[in-house]
């Protein structure tokens, strides 16, 4: 079913991992996909087009408001409108785990800039077009770490908890514009970022995570 036919969906962090999977799935539903990432998005766009979908790639630094505005302009230039925004871009594999009092100030600030301010910047850039389209959806990607806690990753877990608070506030504020705002909180997913973060401890860590879930298995994109 082409439930999203003619709709334009922006996916941040669309260059790999879950972001790429979101792009491919949305395109299969008929959406015009804007894969936005600080990394190269060429493989995502190629995969979507090979499957018969529509997609463009846009370079995006979510910490830079001007870059977010340029991304929104590129989406509108390509497809005429923005209907939905998936705020998926986040720092995870790029950060080093460790005790809370050993987290470098620079890493803390960077995680908060990308994982929290980045969503704010992208919403500011895209909401005007979503509003003009008569409403739409914003999906913010949080994490189970936000509610379960995540030892040795305080900065990441705290940023993802903030995403839930931001989502609730935006939902109440933007509902009057017929813009739905929801958060999705995945557990560990077998992506490049997960592999980078866990490194040589990945197999053991994933086994522990899976043992604490109702379904004793970790997800794939």
Protein backbone atom coordinates (compact mmCIF):
# COMPACT_ATOMS: atom_id res chain seq x y z
CA UNK A 1 0.00 0.00 0.00
CA UNK A 2 1.30 3.45 -0.96
CA UNK A 3 0.00 5.23 2.14
CA UNK A 4 2.51 8.07 1.85
CA UNK A 5 2.22 8.68 -1.88
CA UNK A 6 3.04 12.31 -2.63
CA UNK A 7 4.15 13.08 0.92
CA UNK A 8 7.61 14.47 1.58
CA UNK A 9 9.46 13.07 4.59
CA UNK A 10 12.77 14.37 5.91
CA UNK A 11 14.91 11.80 7.73
CA UNK A 12 17.92 13.14 9.60
CA UNK A 13 20.81 10.76 10.09
CA UNK A 14 19.63 9.07 6.91
CA UNK A 15 23.05 8.02 5.69
CA UNK A 16 23.28 4.67 7.44
CA UNK A 17 21.85 2.35 10.10
CA UNK A 18 18.32 2.97 11.28
CA UNK A 19 18.14 6.21 9.32
CA UNK A 20 18.78 4.42 6.07
CA UNK A 21 16.22 1.74 6.98
CA UNK A 22 13.65 4.47 7.71
CA UNK A 23 14.34 6.06 4.32
CA UNK A 24 13.92 2.78 2.46
CA UNK A 25 10.71 1.88 4.30
CA UNK A 26 9.16 5.31 3.81
CA UNK A 27 9.98 5.25 0.10
CA UNK A 28 8.28 1.86 -0.20
CA UNK A 29 5.15 3.54 1.14
CA UNK A 30 5.34 6.12 -1.65
CA UNK A 31 7.01 9.00 0.19
CA UNK A 32 9.41 11.44 -1.38
CA UNK A 33 12.38 10.96 0.92
CA UNK A 34 14.95 13.56 1.92
CA UNK A 35 17.92 11.71 3.42
CA UNK A 36 19.82 14.31 5.43
CA UNK A 37 23.09 13.55 7.17
CA UNK A 38 26.50 14.95 8.02
CA UNK A 39 27.78 11.71 6.46
CA UNK A 40 27.43 10.84 2.79
CA UNK A 41 23.90 9.79 1.84
CA UNK A 42 24.70 8.47 -1.63
CA UNK A 43 24.21 4.80 -0.78
CA UNK A 44 20.82 5.51 0.81
CA UNK A 45 19.58 7.50 -2.16
CA UNK A 46 20.85 4.83 -4.56
CA UNK A 47 19.12 2.06 -2.59
CA UNK A 48 15.81 3.95 -2.61
CA UNK A 49 15.98 4.73 -6.32
CA UNK A 50 17.02 1.17 -7.20
CA UNK A 51 13.82 -0.01 -5.52
CA UNK A 52 11.78 2.45 -7.56
CA UNK A 53 11.42 5.15 -4.91
CA UNK A 54 12.07 8.88 -4.86
CA UNK A 55 14.88 10.37 -2.77
CA UNK A 56 17.43 13.13 -2.59
CA UNK A 57 20.42 13.43 -0.30
CA UNK A 58 21.23 16.62 1.58
CA UNK A 59 24.27 17.43 3.68
CA UNK A 60 23.13 18.40 7.18
CA UNK A 61 24.82 19.47 10.39
CA UNK A 62 21.97 19.47 12.91
CA UNK A 63 23.95 21.63 15.34
CA UNK A 64 24.00 24.46 12.79
CA UNK A 65 20.69 26.29 12.39
CA UNK A 66 21.73 27.62 8.98
CA UNK A 67 22.46 24.09 7.77
CA UNK A 68 19.01 22.99 8.97
CA UNK A 69 17.36 25.87 7.15
CA UNK A 70 19.26 25.00 3.97
CA UNK A 71 18.11 21.39 4.32
CA UNK A 72 14.47 22.46 4.55
CA UNK A 73 14.88 24.73 1.53
CA UNK A 74 16.41 21.87 -0.47
CA UNK A 75 13.48 19.60 0.43
CA UNK A 76 10.95 22.21 -0.63
CA UNK A 77 12.88 22.98 -3.83
CA UNK A 78 12.85 19.29 -4.76
CA UNK A 79 9.31 18.32 -3.75
CA UNK A 80 7.41 21.53 -3.04
CA UNK A 81 6.58 20.82 0.60
CA UNK A 82 7.50 19.01 3.79
CA UNK A 83 4.89 16.78 5.41
CA UNK A 84 6.87 14.88 8.01
CA UNK A 85 10.17 15.00 9.87
CA UNK A 86 11.99 12.05 11.43
CA UNK A 87 14.58 13.35 13.90
CA UNK A 88 16.94 10.39 13.91
CA UNK A 89 20.39 12.03 13.85
CA UNK A 90 22.26 11.44 17.10
CA UNK A 91 25.67 10.80 18.58
CA UNK A 92 26.06 7.23 19.79
CA UNK A 93 28.80 5.27 18.08
CA UNK A 94 30.93 8.40 18.04
CA UNK A 95 31.10 8.74 21.83
CA UNK A 96 33.25 6.91 24.34
CA UNK A 97 31.55 5.19 27.25
CA UNK A 98 32.84 5.53 30.78
CA UNK A 99 32.08 6.54 34.33
CA UNK A 100 29.94 9.65 34.66
CA UNK A 101 32.72 11.66 36.30
CA UNK A 102 35.16 10.80 33.52
CA UNK A 103 33.06 12.14 30.64
CA UNK A 104 34.99 15.01 29.00
CA UNK A 105 33.20 18.37 28.98
CA UNK A 106 33.65 18.56 25.22
CA UNK A 107 31.91 15.22 24.69
CA UNK A 108 29.05 16.16 27.03
CA UNK A 109 28.46 19.41 25.17
CA UNK A 110 28.68 17.71 21.79
CA UNK A 111 26.15 15.02 22.73
CA UNK A 112 23.67 17.61 24.01
CA UNK A 113 24.21 19.78 20.93
CA UNK A 114 23.52 16.97 18.49
CA UNK A 115 20.93 14.89 20.33
CA UNK A 116 18.83 17.72 21.79
CA UNK A 117 19.58 21.03 20.12
CA UNK A 118 19.74 19.24 16.77
CA UNK A 119 16.09 18.24 17.06
CA UNK A 120 15.13 21.78 18.04
CA UNK A 121 16.99 23.19 15.05
CA UNK A 122 15.39 20.76 12.61
CA UNK A 123 11.90 21.39 13.98
CA UNK A 124 12.38 25.14 13.65
CA UNK A 125 13.46 24.67 10.05
CA UNK A 126 10.74 22.22 8.96
CA UNK A 127 7.63 23.08 10.98
CA UNK A 128 6.69 26.16 8.90
CA UNK A 129 6.37 24.02 5.76
CA UNK A 130 4.60 21.20 7.64
CA UNK A 131 2.14 23.77 8.98
CA UNK A 132 1.58 25.22 5.50
CA UNK A 133 0.90 21.69 4.22
CA UNK A 134 -2.08 21.50 6.59
CA UNK A 135 -0.37 19.49 9.29
CA UNK A 136 1.71 16.36 9.45
CA UNK A 137 3.97 14.41 11.74
CA UNK A 138 7.22 14.73 13.64
CA UNK A 139 8.84 11.56 14.97
CA UNK A 140 11.70 11.95 17.41
CA UNK A 141 13.95 8.94 17.98
CA UNK A 142 14.64 8.46 21.68
CA UNK A 143 15.94 5.26 23.30
CA UNK A 144 15.06 2.77 26.01
CA UNK A 145 18.10 4.21 27.76
CA UNK A 146 15.90 7.22 28.53
CA UNK A 147 13.66 5.22 30.86
CA UNK A 148 15.77 2.20 31.83
CA UNK A 149 18.97 4.12 32.45
CA UNK A 150 22.30 3.27 30.86
CA UNK A 151 25.36 2.99 33.09
CA UNK A 152 28.59 4.34 31.64
CA UNK A 153 26.64 6.39 29.12
CA UNK A 154 25.08 9.13 31.24
CA UNK A 155 25.40 11.78 28.54
CA UNK A 156 23.64 9.63 25.93
CA UNK A 157 20.88 8.43 28.28
CA UNK A 158 20.22 11.93 29.59
CA UNK A 159 20.01 13.36 26.07
CA UNK A 160 17.48 10.71 25.06
CA UNK A 161 15.38 11.41 28.17
CA UNK A 162 15.34 15.06 27.14
CA UNK A 163 14.02 14.00 23.74
CA UNK A 164 10.93 12.56 25.43
CA UNK A 165 10.34 15.78 27.36
CA UNK A 166 10.76 17.82 24.21
CA UNK A 167 8.38 15.54 22.34
CA UNK A 168 5.63 15.90 24.94
CA UNK A 169 5.96 19.68 24.98
CA UNK A 170 6.00 19.99 21.20
CA UNK A 171 2.98 17.68 20.91
CA UNK A 172 0.94 19.97 23.14
CA UNK A 173 2.16 23.09 21.35
CA UNK A 174 1.85 21.92 17.74
CA UNK A 175 -1.35 19.91 18.07
CA UNK A 176 -3.38 23.04 17.34
CA UNK A 177 -1.63 23.11 13.94
CA UNK A 178 -2.61 19.47 13.28
CA UNK A 179 1.00 18.41 13.66
CA UNK A 180 1.37 15.17 15.60
CA UNK A 181 4.60 14.74 17.55
CA UNK A 182 5.63 11.35 18.89
CA UNK A 183 8.77 9.65 20.14
CA UNK A 184 9.99 6.14 19.40
CA UNK A 185 12.35 4.49 21.89
CA UNK A 186 14.20 1.56 20.30
CA UNK A 187 16.29 -0.88 22.25
CA UNK A 188 19.75 -1.87 21.01
CA UNK A 189 19.73 -2.23 17.24
CA UNK A 190 22.49 -3.96 15.31
CA UNK A 191 23.80 -0.97 13.38
CA UNK A 192 27.21 0.45 12.55
CA UNK A 193 26.81 2.90 15.43
CA UNK A 194 26.14 0.11 17.92
CA UNK A 195 29.20 -1.76 16.73
CA UNK A 196 31.35 1.36 17.02
CA UNK A 197 30.11 2.14 20.53
CA UNK A 198 30.39 -1.36 21.98
CA UNK A 199 33.54 -2.40 20.16
CA UNK A 200 35.06 -5.67 21.30
CA UNK A 201 32.50 -5.95 24.12
CA UNK A 202 29.59 -5.98 21.69
CA UNK A 203 28.69 -9.69 21.89
CA UNK A 204 28.63 -9.73 25.69
CA UNK A 205 26.78 -6.41 25.95
CA UNK A 206 24.09 -7.43 23.48
CA UNK A 207 23.55 -10.71 25.35
CA UNK A 208 22.96 -8.80 28.59
CA UNK A 209 20.58 -6.37 26.88
CA UNK A 210 18.61 -9.17 25.21
CA UNK A 211 18.26 -11.08 28.49
CA UNK A 212 16.41 -8.11 30.01
CA UNK A 213 13.85 -7.84 27.22
CA UNK A 214 10.50 -9.57 26.83
CA UNK A 215 11.68 -10.84 23.46
CA UNK A 216 15.20 -12.11 24.03
CA UNK A 217 16.61 -10.81 20.79
CA UNK A 218 18.18 -7.61 19.55
CA UNK A 219 16.80 -5.76 16.57
CA UNK A 220 18.15 -5.26 13.08
CA UNK A 221 17.34 -2.20 10.96
